[in-house]
Protein backbone atom coordinates (compact mmCIF):
# COMPACT_ATOMS: atom_id res chain seq x y z
CA UNK A 1 -17.24 -34.78 -6.02
CA UNK A 2 -20.84 -34.03 -6.50
CA UNK A 3 -23.09 -34.59 -9.54
CA UNK A 4 -22.33 -31.66 -11.40
CA UNK A 5 -18.60 -31.98 -11.09
CA UNK A 6 -18.86 -35.48 -12.41
CA UNK A 7 -20.79 -34.51 -15.38
CA UNK A 8 -18.83 -31.24 -16.28
CA UNK A 9 -15.43 -33.06 -15.61
CA UNK A 10 -16.22 -35.90 -17.86
CA UNK A 11 -17.75 -34.62 -20.89
CA UNK A 12 -14.78 -35.76 -22.70
CA UNK A 13 -15.71 -39.37 -21.96
CA UNK A 14 -19.36 -38.84 -23.36
CA UNK A 15 -17.35 -37.40 -26.47
CA UNK A 16 -15.19 -40.39 -26.58
CA UNK A 17 -17.83 -42.75 -26.19
CA UNK A 18 -19.74 -40.93 -29.09
CA UNK A 19 -16.95 -40.85 -31.32
CA UNK A 20 -16.62 -44.52 -31.49
CA UNK A 21 -20.05 -44.70 -33.30
CA UNK A 22 -19.27 -42.00 -36.02
CA UNK A 23 -20.24 -42.70 -39.55
CA UNK A 24 -22.70 -45.59 -38.66
CA UNK A 25 -26.22 -43.91 -39.81
CA UNK A 26 -26.84 -41.46 -37.04
CA UNK A 27 -25.51 -38.14 -36.85
CA UNK A 28 -23.00 -37.00 -34.43
CA UNK A 29 -25.14 -34.53 -32.51
CA UNK A 30 -27.68 -37.23 -31.60
CA UNK A 31 -24.89 -39.76 -30.52
CA UNK A 32 -23.29 -37.14 -28.45
CA UNK A 33 -26.68 -36.20 -26.81
CA UNK A 34 -27.35 -39.81 -25.91
CA UNK A 35 -23.97 -40.14 -24.47
CA UNK A 36 -24.52 -37.20 -22.36
CA UNK A 37 -27.76 -38.93 -21.17
CA UNK A 38 -25.82 -41.84 -20.09
CA UNK A 39 -23.33 -39.71 -18.41
CA UNK A 40 -25.90 -37.99 -16.42
CA UNK A 41 -27.33 -41.53 -15.50
CA UNK A 42 -24.09 -42.54 -14.32
CA UNK A 43 -23.31 -39.61 -12.21
CA UNK A 44 -26.78 -40.13 -10.69
CA UNK A 45 -25.98 -43.68 -9.89
CA UNK A 46 -22.36 -43.84 -8.96
CA UNK A 47 -21.47 -45.24 -5.56
CA UNK A 48 -18.08 -44.24 -4.54
CA UNK A 49 -18.11 -46.73 -1.83
CA UNK A 50 -17.80 -49.67 -4.44
CA UNK A 51 -14.23 -48.61 -4.84
CA UNK A 52 -14.56 -48.17 -8.66
CA UNK A 53 -13.31 -45.27 -10.60
CA UNK A 54 -16.28 -43.24 -12.16
CA UNK A 55 -14.82 -43.76 -15.67
CA UNK A 56 -14.96 -47.39 -15.35
CA UNK A 57 -18.72 -47.43 -14.05
CA UNK A 58 -19.93 -44.63 -16.51
CA UNK A 59 -18.53 -46.18 -19.75
CA UNK A 60 -20.90 -49.17 -19.94
CA UNK A 61 -23.82 -46.94 -18.89
CA UNK A 62 -22.99 -44.25 -21.50
CA UNK A 63 -22.52 -46.97 -24.36
CA UNK A 64 -26.08 -48.42 -23.22
CA UNK A 65 -27.66 -45.28 -24.16
CA UNK A 66 -25.82 -44.77 -27.48
CA UNK A 67 -26.56 -48.39 -28.54
CA UNK A 68 -30.21 -48.04 -27.46
CA UNK A 69 -30.24 -44.92 -29.96
CA UNK A 70 -29.40 -47.53 -32.64
CA UNK A 71 -31.95 -50.05 -31.38
CA UNK A 72 -34.73 -47.59 -31.80
CA UNK A 73 -33.57 -46.56 -34.97
CA UNK A 74 -34.37 -42.69 -34.27
CA UNK A 75 -32.80 -39.43 -33.43
CA UNK A 76 -33.00 -38.02 -29.85
CA UNK A 77 -35.66 -35.35 -30.01
CA UNK A 78 -34.57 -31.87 -29.64
CA UNK A 79 -36.91 -28.88 -29.73
CA UNK A 80 -36.35 -25.88 -32.03
CA UNK A 81 -35.34 -23.73 -29.30
CA UNK A 82 -32.74 -26.17 -27.97
CA UNK A 83 -31.39 -26.38 -31.51
CA UNK A 84 -31.02 -22.69 -31.64
CA UNK A 85 -29.39 -22.67 -28.31
CA UNK A 86 -26.98 -25.17 -29.42
CA UNK A 87 -25.97 -23.22 -32.44
CA UNK A 88 -25.11 -20.19 -30.09
CA UNK A 89 -23.39 -22.82 -27.84
CA UNK A 90 -21.30 -24.23 -30.80
CA UNK A 91 -20.04 -20.72 -31.55
CA UNK A 92 -19.11 -19.85 -28.09
CA UNK A 93 -17.44 -23.19 -27.75
CA UNK A 94 -15.49 -22.39 -30.70
CA UNK A 95 -14.46 -18.98 -29.60
CA UNK A 96 -13.27 -20.33 -26.19
CA UNK A 97 -11.59 -23.14 -27.99
CA UNK A 98 -9.40 -20.43 -29.99
CA UNK A 99 -8.74 -18.40 -26.64
CA UNK A 100 -7.86 -21.22 -24.37
CA UNK A 101 -7.07 -24.37 -26.70
CA UNK A 102 -9.49 -26.58 -24.94
CA UNK A 103 -13.25 -27.24 -24.74
CA UNK A 104 -15.06 -25.12 -22.18
CA UNK A 105 -16.71 -26.65 -19.25
CA UNK A 106 -20.59 -26.47 -18.57
CA UNK A 107 -19.83 -23.74 -16.17
CA UNK A 108 -17.62 -21.82 -18.44
CA UNK A 109 -19.83 -22.09 -21.17
CA UNK A 110 -23.05 -21.17 -19.15
CA UNK A 111 -21.13 -17.97 -17.93
CA UNK A 112 -20.39 -16.81 -21.52
CA UNK A 113 -24.09 -17.38 -22.66
CA UNK A 114 -25.67 -15.97 -19.50
CA UNK A 115 -27.65 -19.01 -18.85
CA UNK A 116 -27.83 -21.77 -16.03
CA UNK A 117 -25.45 -24.70 -16.01
CA UNK A 118 -28.28 -27.42 -16.84
CA UNK A 119 -29.24 -25.32 -19.84
CA UNK A 120 -25.94 -25.13 -20.96
CA UNK A 121 -25.46 -29.18 -20.37
CA UNK A 122 -28.39 -29.63 -22.67
CA UNK A 123 -27.05 -27.29 -25.29
CA UNK A 124 -23.68 -29.25 -25.39
CA UNK A 125 -25.66 -32.31 -25.73
CA UNK A 126 -26.99 -31.04 -28.84
CA UNK A 127 -24.03 -29.70 -30.76
CA UNK A 128 -23.74 -30.32 -34.06
CA UNK A 129 -20.57 -31.82 -35.83
CA UNK A 130 -18.43 -29.72 -37.97
CA UNK A 131 -18.66 -32.31 -40.80
CA UNK A 132 -20.90 -34.56 -42.13
CA UNK A 133 -20.80 -38.16 -40.20
CA UNK A 134 -23.69 -40.29 -41.65
CA UNK A 135 -22.56 -43.22 -43.97
CA UNK A 136 -24.34 -45.89 -45.86
CA UNK A 137 -23.18 -49.52 -46.51
CA UNK A 138 -22.54 -50.78 -50.09
CA UNK A 139 -26.06 -51.74 -50.65
CA UNK A 140 -27.15 -48.19 -49.85
CA UNK A 141 -28.73 -49.44 -46.44
CA UNK A 142 -27.84 -48.10 -42.89
CA UNK A 143 -24.55 -49.53 -41.47
CA UNK A 144 -24.78 -52.28 -38.61
CA UNK A 145 -24.08 -51.22 -35.13
CA UNK A 146 -20.28 -51.60 -34.44
CA UNK A 147 -18.74 -53.99 -32.00
CA UNK A 148 -18.68 -52.29 -28.50
CA UNK A 149 -15.33 -50.54 -28.06
CA UNK A 150 -12.96 -51.49 -25.20
CA UNK A 151 -13.25 -49.16 -22.08
CA UNK A 152 -9.52 -48.63 -22.35
CA UNK A 153 -9.70 -47.07 -25.61
CA UNK A 154 -12.64 -44.74 -24.67
CA UNK A 155 -10.97 -43.42 -21.44
CA UNK A 156 -7.75 -42.53 -23.49
CA UNK A 157 -9.34 -39.44 -24.40
CA UNK A 158 -10.58 -38.69 -20.87
CA UNK A 159 -6.88 -39.08 -19.76
CA UNK A 160 -5.85 -36.91 -22.57
CA UNK A 161 -8.25 -34.10 -21.25
CA UNK A 162 -6.99 -34.06 -17.88
CA UNK A 163 -3.37 -33.42 -18.84
CA UNK A 164 -3.81 -30.95 -21.50
CA UNK A 165 -3.66 -28.01 -19.09
CA UNK A 166 -0.17 -28.43 -18.81
CA UNK A 167 0.72 -28.01 -22.61
CA UNK A 168 1.55 -24.70 -24.36
CA UNK A 169 -1.54 -22.90 -25.88
CA UNK A 170 -0.86 -23.78 -29.63
CA UNK A 171 -0.28 -27.89 -28.48
CA UNK A 172 -3.66 -27.55 -26.52
CA UNK A 173 -5.42 -26.35 -29.76
CA UNK A 174 -3.87 -28.84 -31.67
CA UNK A 175 -4.92 -31.88 -29.44
CA UNK A 176 -8.56 -30.21 -29.21
CA UNK A 177 -9.04 -30.07 -33.12
CA UNK A 178 -7.50 -33.47 -33.45
CA UNK A 179 -9.28 -35.37 -30.65
CA UNK A 180 -12.01 -33.40 -29.43
CA UNK A 181 -13.40 -32.01 -32.74
CA UNK A 182 -11.90 -35.20 -34.54
CA UNK A 183 -10.68 -32.98 -37.56
CA UNK A 184 -8.28 -34.49 -39.90
CA UNK A 185 -4.46 -33.35 -39.55
CA UNK A 186 -5.24 -31.26 -42.73
CA UNK A 187 -8.01 -29.52 -41.36
CA UNK A 188 -6.08 -28.90 -38.28
CA UNK A 189 -3.12 -27.46 -40.19
CA UNK A 190 -5.28 -24.91 -41.86
CA UNK A 191 -6.80 -23.92 -38.50
CA UNK A 192 -3.31 -23.28 -36.94
CA UNK A 193 -1.49 -22.01 -40.17
CA UNK A 194 0.60 -25.21 -40.15
CA UNK A 195 1.44 -27.87 -42.87
CA UNK A 196 0.19 -31.28 -42.35
CA UNK A 197 3.44 -32.69 -41.89
CA UNK A 198 4.18 -30.28 -39.31
CA UNK A 199 1.12 -31.10 -37.56
CA UNK A 200 1.68 -34.81 -37.75
CA UNK A 201 5.31 -34.34 -36.35
CA UNK A 202 4.27 -31.93 -33.65
CA UNK A 203 1.34 -34.37 -32.93
CA UNK A 204 3.47 -37.30 -32.46
CA UNK A 205 5.86 -35.38 -30.08
CA UNK A 206 3.19 -34.12 -27.90
CA UNK A 207 1.56 -37.47 -27.34
CA UNK A 208 4.99 -38.95 -26.65
CA UNK A 209 5.66 -36.60 -23.75
CA UNK A 210 2.02 -36.94 -22.48
CA UNK A 211 2.43 -40.77 -22.41
CA UNK A 212 5.54 -40.28 -20.21
CA UNK A 213 3.38 -37.84 -17.96
CA UNK A 214 0.51 -40.20 -17.59
CA UNK A 215 2.98 -43.15 -17.05
């Protein structure tokens, strides 16, 4: 597996790492872009001969980039052109998700937008979250950086992404909205024309089946 394949196949891991720091005073698009920077660094440095799984090596590198963003107290610099491109990418990604029930890979997004994969990856890293993700503490100041999450929790989302292809289209869409767009059950129900109770029951059934598949 080459560098580009490692990056494109593990974007879910970058999402998972960024998701753990939501609501801590920095917008999600900046968190995710920092996570993507860490993912690319991990792909560049990974040595298969050490016998480690890529996710095991990548998580600390990705988290390091996200935590550095908090230490520096600022957003990742994004040009106006890239922000405009990211809006296009966001629209295309949502259209793809509605059609396929999953996130597009960098290559798939690049083909839809008629741009090169590297530019598509940069656009993905600058995508805006669908809801407001900033938060303050009770005193009105920025919240402290949270404790670093366990790798096992972070790789759950990546494992989920790897088995979603075996699901029915509607089930893939449900999990995509819940775990990769971090929408509530109510928001997911509205998107899929279901009730919140139906989403809750279906989600439990899907996850139970996937746990058996994952062993």
